[in-house]
Amino acid sequence: MDMSLLKPLSELLGVTINELLAGEKIEEKDIEKKSEENIIDTINYSNKKVSEKNKLIAKILLFFGLGLIFSAFSVFPSESSWGSIYSVIGIVISLLGFTILNKGKTFRKRLLLNIGYTIFIIALLLVLDYSNVKLNQQAPRFRIKTTTTGNVIYYDTLFYDVYRCNFDTENEYWVIEKNSKKSISDLINYCK
């Protein structure tokens, strides 16, 4: 019940607010005891409502962040850096929601859960990005550097290199390999 309704309702019914909260007529000797019980019940009720609102906000942040991360993959082309920027923003927002959801735990447990969550989300994004490169032959979103030389576009990522040979021709093909330190001249000759 809305707390602002207690006074008008108690006046209308001809009982005290304390009796209204207790749900019964209170004898003179029990007024102090019932008042304390009602105050404690009211505080517990208020805390429960605040906790429920915080959980709802946390879930909204968590799912909004996750939605932002995965929609960045579908909305922005792989050549654009906006997809990776929105993914990072989504990670931060979802991590905030995840942190709020774990508010009741000890600091150490919250820290470990947050680190684990962050590592999991980043690993998932890197796997999705690699799968997108491998299956759909698209540029990696989470790349460190892009170099265009002759007929080769070279994408340097943290864990692998991608070579787009003979780009924008009918003979175009993609090569993915472990990180290597090829020179510019190696890149020009790589796709011949």
Protein backbone atom coordinates (compact mmCIF):
# COMPACT_ATOMS: atom_id res chain seq x y z
CA MET A 1 0.00 0.00 0.00
CA ASP A 2 1.15 3.58 -0.67
CA MET A 3 2.32 5.06 2.64
CA SER A 4 0.67 8.41 1.87
CA LEU A 5 -2.73 6.68 2.14
CA LEU A 6 -2.20 5.52 5.73
CA LYS A 7 -3.27 8.75 7.47
CA PRO A 8 -6.48 9.38 5.44
CA LEU A 9 -7.42 5.70 5.67
CA SER A 10 -6.86 5.57 9.43
CA GLU A 11 -9.00 8.72 9.89
CA LEU A 12 -11.74 7.28 7.69
CA LEU A 13 -11.79 4.03 9.66
CA GLY A 14 -11.44 5.75 13.03
CA VAL A 15 -8.29 3.85 14.08
CA THR A 16 -4.69 4.85 14.65
CA ILE A 17 -2.03 4.32 11.99
CA ASN A 18 -0.39 1.86 14.37
CA GLU A 19 -3.62 -0.20 14.55
CA LEU A 20 -4.04 0.01 10.80
CA LEU A 21 -0.54 -1.38 10.24
CA ALA A 22 -1.03 -4.07 12.88
CA GLY A 23 -4.37 -5.06 11.38
CA GLU A 24 -6.03 -5.22 14.79
CA LYS A 25 -7.22 -3.11 17.72
CA ILE A 26 -4.28 -2.51 20.08
CA GLU A 27 -4.68 -2.40 23.84
CA GLU A 28 -3.00 0.44 25.77
CA LYS A 29 -0.34 -1.82 27.30
CA ASP A 30 0.76 -3.22 23.86
CA ILE A 31 1.05 0.12 21.99
CA GLU A 32 4.81 0.47 22.39
CA LYS A 33 5.53 -3.16 21.42
CA LYS A 34 3.22 -3.03 18.37
CA SER A 35 4.72 0.33 17.30
CA GLU A 36 8.20 -1.18 17.25
CA GLU A 37 6.97 -4.23 15.33
CA ASN A 38 5.19 -2.02 12.79
CA ILE A 39 8.25 0.18 12.33
CA ILE A 40 10.47 -2.87 11.77
CA ASP A 41 7.92 -4.38 9.34
CA THR A 42 7.70 -1.07 7.46
CA ILE A 43 11.50 -0.80 7.21
CA ASN A 44 11.76 -4.40 6.00
CA TYR A 45 9.00 -3.79 3.45
CA SER A 46 10.75 -0.63 2.19
CA ASN A 47 14.10 -2.42 1.96
CA LYS A 48 12.48 -5.26 0.02
CA LYS A 49 10.92 -2.81 -2.45
CA VAL A 50 14.23 -0.97 -2.93
CA SER A 51 16.02 -4.29 -3.44
CA GLU A 52 13.45 -5.37 -6.04
CA LYS A 53 13.85 -2.09 -7.92
CA ASN A 54 17.65 -2.41 -7.84
CA LYS A 55 17.43 -5.96 -9.22
CA LEU A 56 15.10 -4.79 -11.99
CA ILE A 57 17.47 -1.95 -12.90
CA ALA A 58 20.43 -4.37 -12.83
CA LYS A 59 18.65 -6.83 -15.14
CA ILE A 60 17.73 -4.02 -17.53
CA LEU A 61 21.36 -2.83 -17.61
CA LEU A 62 22.66 -6.37 -18.07
CA PHE A 63 20.34 -7.24 -20.95
CA PHE A 64 20.62 -3.80 -22.56
CA GLY A 65 24.42 -4.11 -22.51
CA LEU A 66 24.30 -7.62 -23.97
CA GLY A 67 21.82 -6.45 -26.59
CA LEU A 68 24.11 -3.57 -27.49
CA ILE A 69 27.08 -5.92 -27.83
CA PHE A 70 25.36 -8.38 -30.14
CA SER A 71 23.42 -5.79 -32.14
CA ALA A 72 26.75 -4.06 -32.87
CA PHE A 73 27.72 -7.22 -34.73
CA SER A 74 24.63 -7.16 -36.89
CA VAL A 75 24.21 -3.41 -37.44
CA PHE A 76 27.72 -2.23 -38.28
CA PRO A 77 29.79 -3.64 -41.14
CA SER A 78 32.93 -5.49 -40.12
CA GLU A 79 35.18 -2.85 -41.72
CA SER A 80 33.73 -0.17 -39.43
CA SER A 81 35.29 0.43 -36.02
CA TRP A 82 31.89 1.43 -34.60
CA GLY A 83 30.94 -2.20 -34.02
CA SER A 84 33.88 -2.75 -31.70
CA ILE A 85 33.29 0.61 -29.96
CA TYR A 86 29.64 -0.24 -29.26
CA SER A 87 30.67 -3.71 -28.12
CA VAL A 88 33.02 -2.23 -25.52
CA ILE A 89 30.29 0.17 -24.34
CA GLY A 90 27.93 -2.82 -24.11
CA ILE A 91 30.47 -4.75 -22.04
CA VAL A 92 30.74 -1.86 -19.56
CA ILE A 93 26.95 -1.45 -19.27
CA SER A 94 26.33 -5.19 -18.86
CA LEU A 95 29.16 -5.42 -16.31
CA LEU A 96 27.51 -2.64 -14.30
CA GLY A 97 24.24 -4.60 -14.27
CA PHE A 98 26.08 -7.81 -13.36
CA THR A 99 27.83 -6.00 -10.50
CA ILE A 100 24.54 -4.68 -9.10
CA LEU A 101 23.03 -8.17 -9.23
CA ASN A 102 25.92 -9.48 -7.09
CA LYS A 103 25.66 -6.69 -4.53
CA GLY A 104 24.91 -8.97 -1.56
CA LYS A 105 28.10 -11.00 -1.93
CA THR A 106 31.46 -10.31 -0.29
CA PHE A 107 33.86 -7.93 -2.01
CA ARG A 108 36.25 -10.72 -2.94
CA LYS A 109 33.50 -12.88 -4.42
CA ARG A 110 32.06 -9.91 -6.38
CA LEU A 111 35.53 -9.08 -7.71
CA LEU A 112 36.13 -12.66 -8.86
CA LEU A 113 32.67 -12.89 -10.44
CA ASN A 114 33.16 -9.58 -12.27
CA ILE A 115 36.58 -10.59 -13.57
CA GLY A 116 35.20 -13.97 -14.68
CA TYR A 117 32.21 -12.34 -16.39
CA THR A 118 34.43 -9.85 -18.22
CA ILE A 119 36.84 -12.55 -19.40
CA PHE A 120 33.92 -14.73 -20.54
CA ILE A 121 32.25 -11.94 -22.54
CA ILE A 122 35.52 -10.84 -24.17
CA ALA A 123 36.41 -14.45 -25.05
CA LEU A 124 32.93 -14.98 -26.49
CA LEU A 125 33.25 -11.86 -28.64
CA LEU A 126 36.68 -12.90 -29.90
CA VAL A 127 35.38 -16.37 -30.80
CA LEU A 128 32.36 -14.86 -32.58
CA ASP A 129 34.65 -12.46 -34.44
CA TYR A 130 36.99 -15.27 -35.50
CA SER A 131 34.01 -17.38 -36.62
CA ASN A 132 32.71 -14.46 -38.65
CA VAL A 133 36.10 -14.07 -40.36
CA LYS A 134 36.42 -17.80 -41.03
CA LEU A 135 32.85 -18.56 -42.13
CA ASN A 136 31.73 -15.30 -43.75
CA GLN A 137 35.08 -13.98 -44.95
CA GLN A 138 34.65 -10.60 -43.28
CA ALA A 139 37.27 -8.37 -41.75
CA PRO A 140 37.90 -8.95 -38.05
CA ARG A 141 36.16 -6.34 -35.88
CA PHE A 142 38.66 -6.51 -33.06
CA ARG A 143 41.82 -5.82 -34.98
CA ILE A 144 44.90 -3.94 -33.92
CA LYS A 145 45.92 -2.68 -37.33
CA THR A 146 44.89 -2.78 -40.99
CA THR A 147 47.47 -2.45 -43.76
CA THR A 148 46.71 -2.24 -47.48
CA THR A 149 49.61 -3.02 -49.80
CA GLY A 150 49.32 -3.80 -53.50
CA ASN A 151 46.66 -6.47 -53.85
CA VAL A 152 46.63 -7.45 -50.14
CA ILE A 153 44.73 -6.12 -47.16
CA TYR A 154 46.37 -7.32 -43.96
CA TYR A 155 44.41 -7.40 -40.69
CA ASP A 156 46.50 -7.83 -37.55
CA THR A 157 44.59 -9.12 -34.53
CA LEU A 158 45.77 -10.18 -31.11
CA PHE A 159 45.77 -13.93 -31.86
CA TYR A 160 45.81 -14.34 -35.64
CA ASP A 161 46.48 -12.57 -38.95
CA VAL A 162 44.09 -12.28 -41.87
CA TYR A 163 45.19 -11.69 -45.45
CA ARG A 164 42.60 -10.61 -47.99
CA CYS A 165 44.32 -11.41 -51.25
CA ASN A 166 43.35 -9.90 -54.61
CA PHE A 167 40.68 -7.84 -52.83
CA ASP A 168 37.72 -6.59 -54.83
CA THR A 169 38.46 -8.91 -57.75
CA GLU A 170 36.90 -12.18 -58.87
CA ASN A 171 40.07 -13.99 -57.67
CA GLU A 172 39.71 -12.70 -54.11
CA TYR A 173 40.48 -15.16 -51.32
CA TRP A 174 41.19 -15.02 -47.61
CA VAL A 175 44.02 -16.58 -45.61
CA ILE A 176 43.98 -16.88 -41.82
CA GLU A 177 47.09 -17.91 -39.89
CA LYS A 178 48.73 -17.57 -36.49
CA ASN A 179 50.31 -14.23 -35.73
CA SER A 180 53.39 -13.74 -37.85
CA LYS A 181 55.70 -10.80 -38.31
CA LYS A 182 55.74 -10.39 -42.07
CA SER A 183 57.32 -7.32 -43.62
CA ILE A 184 55.57 -5.09 -46.18
CA SER A 185 57.46 -6.77 -49.04
CA ASP A 186 56.38 -10.18 -47.71
CA LEU A 187 52.78 -8.98 -47.78
CA ILE A 188 53.02 -7.85 -51.41
CA ASN A 189 54.42 -11.27 -52.41
CA TYR A 190 52.16 -13.24 -50.08
CA CYS A 191 49.21 -13.54 -52.42
CA LYS A 192 51.02 -14.14 -55.70
